[in-house]
Protein backbone atom coordinates (compact mmCIF):
# COMPACT_ATOMS: atom_id res chain seq x y z
CA LEU A 1 0.00 0.00 0.00
CA GLU A 2 2.86 2.35 0.77
CA SER A 3 4.00 2.24 -2.86
CA LEU A 4 0.67 3.50 -4.23
CA GLY A 5 0.25 7.15 -5.03
CA GLN A 6 -2.69 9.11 -3.65
CA ASN A 7 -4.55 9.19 -6.98
CA GLU A 8 -4.13 5.46 -7.57
CA LEU A 9 -5.23 4.58 -4.05
CA ALA A 10 -8.25 6.91 -4.30
CA SER A 11 -9.30 5.43 -7.66
CA ARG A 12 -9.06 1.86 -6.33
CA LEU A 13 -11.08 2.70 -3.25
CA THR A 14 -13.69 4.52 -5.35
CA LEU A 15 -14.02 1.51 -7.66
CA ASN A 16 -14.53 -0.77 -4.68
CA CYS A 17 -17.26 1.45 -3.23
CA GLN A 18 -19.32 1.84 -6.40
CA ASN A 19 -22.86 0.60 -5.97
CA SER A 20 -23.67 -1.05 -9.28
CA TYR A 21 -25.39 -4.11 -10.65
CA VAL A 22 -24.97 -5.97 -13.92
CA GLU A 23 -28.02 -7.91 -15.04
CA PRO A 24 -26.68 -11.43 -15.67
CA HIS A 25 -28.99 -12.19 -18.60
CA LYS A 26 -27.54 -9.22 -20.51
CA ILE A 27 -24.01 -10.59 -20.36
CA LYS A 28 -24.63 -14.31 -20.68
CA ASP A 29 -22.25 -14.52 -23.66
CA VAL A 30 -19.55 -12.34 -22.10
CA ALA A 31 -16.55 -13.88 -20.36
CA VAL A 32 -16.63 -13.16 -16.61
CA THR A 33 -13.97 -13.81 -14.00
CA ILE A 34 -14.90 -13.54 -10.32
CA VAL A 35 -12.03 -12.71 -7.97
CA ASP A 36 -12.71 -14.14 -4.52
CA VAL A 37 -10.78 -14.46 -1.27
CA PHE A 38 -10.73 -17.35 1.17
CA ASP A 39 -10.28 -15.17 4.23
CA GLN A 40 -12.90 -12.97 5.87
CA SER A 41 -14.55 -10.22 3.84
CA ALA A 42 -17.66 -8.07 4.06
CA LEU A 43 -19.40 -10.23 1.45
CA SER A 44 -21.37 -12.97 3.18
CA LEU A 45 -21.13 -16.60 2.10
CA GLU A 46 -24.78 -16.42 1.00
CA ALA A 47 -24.04 -13.41 -1.22
CA LYS A 48 -21.06 -15.20 -2.78
CA GLU A 49 -23.15 -18.30 -3.47
CA GLU A 50 -25.86 -16.16 -5.06
CA MET A 51 -23.26 -14.46 -7.26
CA TYR A 52 -21.94 -17.86 -8.37
CA LYS A 53 -25.51 -18.89 -9.27
CA LEU A 54 -26.05 -15.69 -11.28
CA TYR A 55 -22.81 -16.21 -13.21
CA PRO A 56 -22.58 -20.01 -13.54
CA ASN A 57 -20.08 -19.89 -16.41
CA ALA A 58 -17.75 -17.43 -14.72
CA ARG A 59 -14.16 -18.36 -14.10
CA ARG A 60 -13.15 -18.13 -10.47
CA ALA A 61 -9.90 -16.58 -9.36
CA HIS A 62 -9.23 -17.45 -5.72
CA LEU A 63 -6.81 -15.72 -3.38
CA LYS A 64 -5.86 -17.14 0.02
CA THR A 65 -6.02 -13.69 1.58
CA GLY A 66 -7.09 -10.23 0.54
CA GLY A 67 -10.11 -9.32 2.63
CA ASN A 68 -12.29 -6.55 1.24
CA PHE A 69 -9.51 -5.00 -0.83
CA PRO A 70 -7.58 -7.82 -2.53
CA TYR A 71 -6.38 -5.52 -5.31
CA LEU A 72 -4.68 -3.35 -2.69
CA CYS A 73 -2.90 -5.97 -0.60
CA ARG A 74 -2.49 -8.69 -3.27
CA SER A 75 -2.15 -6.45 -6.34
CA ALA A 76 0.39 -8.64 -8.16
CA GLU A 77 -1.88 -11.69 -7.96
CA VAL A 78 -4.99 -9.72 -8.94
CA ASN A 79 -3.11 -8.20 -11.89
CA LEU A 80 -2.07 -11.70 -12.99
CA TYR A 81 -5.70 -12.89 -12.92
CA ILE A 82 -6.75 -9.82 -14.92
CA GLN A 83 -4.04 -10.49 -17.51
CA ILE A 84 -5.14 -14.11 -17.80
CA HIS A 85 -8.77 -12.99 -18.20
CA LEU A 86 -7.88 -10.44 -20.89
CA ARG A 87 -5.78 -12.89 -22.96
CA GLN A 88 -8.90 -14.38 -24.48
CA PHE A 89 -9.66 -11.02 -26.10
CA HIS A 90 -6.23 -10.56 -27.69
CA GLY A 91 -6.57 -9.99 -31.40
CA THR A 92 -10.27 -9.15 -31.17
CA ARG A 93 -12.04 -5.80 -31.18
CA TYR A 94 -12.29 -6.13 -27.39
CA SER A 95 -8.54 -6.36 -26.92
CA ALA A 96 -6.99 -4.19 -24.22
CA ILE A 97 -3.84 -3.90 -26.35
CA ASP A 98 -3.45 -1.69 -29.40
CA PRO A 99 -3.71 -4.00 -32.46
CA SER A 100 -0.55 -2.44 -33.94
CA MET A 101 1.51 -3.77 -31.01
C-alpha cells in the first residue's frame, strides 16, 4: 500500500465502493472472472453463493487472503488474474492492447 500514489489509491477505493449491478442475462455470452478471497470479507457466504448462481459460467480466481480489498494488498496476484482474463480477447475488437503492437 505504501507504494501507491494518492490518486491510484483513491481510484481503487472509489471503484470498490461503487454501488452497481450488472443484469446477468444481458451478459450471458460475455466472459466473466470472479475474484474471490478465502479469508474474511464483508461479502457474506450467502451473497457469494448467489453471485456464483447468477454467473454459472464465470471463471473463479481465488486468493488465500485479501479481505475486502484484494487488489490493494495482493495487487500482483490480482493483476495476474486480470491479464489471464484479458488474454482471451487478444486480437479481437475487445482487446486491451493496441492492435498495432
